Amino acid sequence: MAIPAAPTVAPQVARRAVEWWVDLQAGRTDAAFAAALARWRAEDPAHDAAWRHIETMQGRFGQLAAGLDT
């Protein structure tokens, strides 16, 4: 399984994307949170690229975990 290359984004953008992901994993799923995340992603193509990379990696981690269950 090839790991996709991370997008070239500023460290603070990558860090903020991770912060959004951590909040989501902690159960922040209300409408205000979803709207704020959508606004952040729309502000800059780099924001969206960083978020899409996190989503991709989350999917890869899920595949890895599923493989460990067998």
C-alpha atoms as a PDB file:
ATOM      1  CA  MET A   1       0.000   0.000   0.000  1.00  0.00           C
ATOM      2  CA  ALA A   2       1.639   3.221  -1.166  1.00  0.00           C
ATOM      3  CA  ILE A   3       1.440   6.217   1.131  1.00  0.00           C
ATOM      4  CA  PRO A   4       0.330   9.343  -0.728  1.00  0.00           C
ATOM      5  CA  ALA A   5       2.731  12.256  -0.644  1.00  0.00           C
ATOM      6  CA  ALA A   6       1.776  15.036   1.720  1.00  0.00           C
ATOM      7  CA  PRO A   7       0.845  18.306   0.046  1.00  0.00           C
ATOM      8  CA  THR A   8       3.333  21.128   0.323  1.00  0.00           C
ATOM      9  CA  VAL A   9       1.690  23.454   2.820  1.00  0.00           C
ATOM     10  CA  ALA A  10       2.983  25.795   5.484  1.00  0.00           C
ATOM     11  CA  PRO A  11       3.582  24.115   8.850  1.00  0.00           C
ATOM     12  CA  GLN A  12       0.895  26.229  10.508  1.00  0.00           C
ATOM     13  CA  VAL A  13      -1.651  25.067   7.907  1.00  0.00           C
ATOM     14  CA  ALA A  14      -0.760  21.421   8.510  1.00  0.00           C
ATOM     15  CA  ARG A  15      -0.945  21.962  12.259  1.00  0.00           C
ATOM     16  CA  ARG A  16      -4.377  23.610  11.989  1.00  0.00           C
ATOM     17  CA  ALA A  17      -5.670  20.759   9.834  1.00  0.00           C
ATOM     18  CA  VAL A  18      -4.543  18.299  12.504  1.00  0.00           C
ATOM     19  CA  GLU A  19      -6.254  20.410  15.178  1.00  0.00           C
ATOM     20  CA  TRP A  20      -9.514  20.266  13.205  1.00  0.00           C
ATOM     21  CA  TRP A  21      -9.135  16.489  12.891  1.00  0.00           C
ATOM     22  CA  VAL A  22      -8.449  16.061  16.622  1.00  0.00           C
ATOM     23  CA  ASP A  23     -11.548  18.104  17.458  1.00  0.00           C
ATOM     24  CA  LEU A  24     -13.594  15.962  15.086  1.00  0.00           C
ATOM     25  CA  GLN A  25     -12.267  12.750  16.643  1.00  0.00           C
ATOM     26  CA  ALA A  26     -13.123  14.135  20.087  1.00  0.00           C
ATOM     27  CA  GLY A  27     -16.765  14.302  19.075  1.00  0.00           C
ATOM     28  CA  ARG A  28     -17.159  17.857  17.824  1.00  0.00           C
ATOM     29  CA  THR A  29     -19.787  17.193  15.194  1.00  0.00           C
ATOM     30  CA  ASP A  30     -22.245  20.030  15.764  1.00  0.00           C
ATOM     31  CA  ALA A  31     -23.414  22.269  12.926  1.00  0.00           C
ATOM     32  CA  ALA A  32     -21.317  25.234  14.084  1.00  0.00           C
ATOM     33  CA  PHE A  33     -18.162  23.120  14.010  1.00  0.00           C
ATOM     34  CA  ALA A  34     -18.975  21.739  10.558  1.00  0.00           C
ATOM     35  CA  ALA A  35     -19.631  25.253   9.244  1.00  0.00           C
ATOM     36  CA  ALA A  36     -16.381  26.583  10.710  1.00  0.00           C
ATOM     37  CA  LEU A  37     -14.397  23.717   9.178  1.00  0.00           C
ATOM     38  CA  ALA A  38     -16.053  24.295   5.803  1.00  0.00           C
ATOM     39  CA  ARG A  39     -15.206  28.017   5.977  1.00  0.00           C
ATOM     40  CA  TRP A  40     -11.592  27.267   6.878  1.00  0.00           C
ATOM     41  CA  ARG A  41     -11.267  24.824   3.977  1.00  0.00           C
ATOM     42  CA  ALA A  42     -12.769  27.358   1.554  1.00  0.00           C
ATOM     43  CA  GLU A  43     -10.453  30.176   2.684  1.00  0.00           C
ATOM     44  CA  ASP A  44      -7.392  28.827   0.915  1.00  0.00           C
ATOM     45  CA  PRO A  45      -6.639  25.938  -1.447  1.00  0.00           C
ATOM     46  CA  ALA A  46      -3.801  24.914   0.896  1.00  0.00           C
ATOM     47  CA  HIS A  47      -6.306  24.478   3.734  1.00  0.00           C
ATOM     48  CA  ASP A  48      -8.415  22.174   1.597  1.00  0.00           C
ATOM     49  CA  ALA A  49      -5.358  20.237   0.395  1.00  0.00           C
ATOM     50  CA  ALA A  50      -4.183  19.701   3.974  1.00  0.00           C
ATOM     51  CA  TRP A  51      -7.644  18.539   5.046  1.00  0.00           C
ATOM     52  CA  ARG A  52      -8.007  16.160   2.087  1.00  0.00           C
ATOM     53  CA  HIS A  53      -4.620  14.649   2.950  1.00  0.00           C
ATOM     54  CA  ILE A  54      -5.770  14.028   6.516  1.00  0.00           C
ATOM     55  CA  GLU A  55      -8.936  12.363   5.216  1.00  0.00           C
ATOM     56  CA  THR A  56      -6.835  10.169   2.919  1.00  0.00           C
ATOM     57  CA  MET A  57      -4.497   9.178   5.728  1.00  0.00           C
ATOM     58  CA  GLN A  58      -7.434   8.452   8.043  1.00  0.00           C
ATOM     59  CA  GLY A  59      -8.735   6.050   5.419  1.00  0.00           C
ATOM     60  CA  ARG A  60      -5.319   4.402   5.169  1.00  0.00           C
ATOM     61  CA  PHE A  61      -5.153   3.990   8.937  1.00  0.00           C
ATOM     62  CA  GLY A  62      -8.600   2.400   8.861  1.00  0.00           C
ATOM     63  CA  GLN A  63      -7.424  -0.081   6.234  1.00  0.00           C
ATOM     64  CA  LEU A  64      -4.354  -0.884   8.304  1.00  0.00           C
ATOM     65  CA  ALA A  65      -6.423  -1.429  11.448  1.00  0.00           C
ATOM     66  CA  ALA A  66      -8.837  -3.676   9.552  1.00  0.00           C
ATOM     67  CA  GLY A  67      -5.897  -5.764   8.383  1.00  0.00           C
ATOM     68  CA  LEU A  68      -4.707  -6.201  11.953  1.00  0.00           C
ATOM     69  CA  ASP A  69      -8.089  -7.582  13.016  1.00  0.00           C
ATOM     70  CA  THR A  70      -7.684 -10.647  10.818  1.00  0.00           C
END
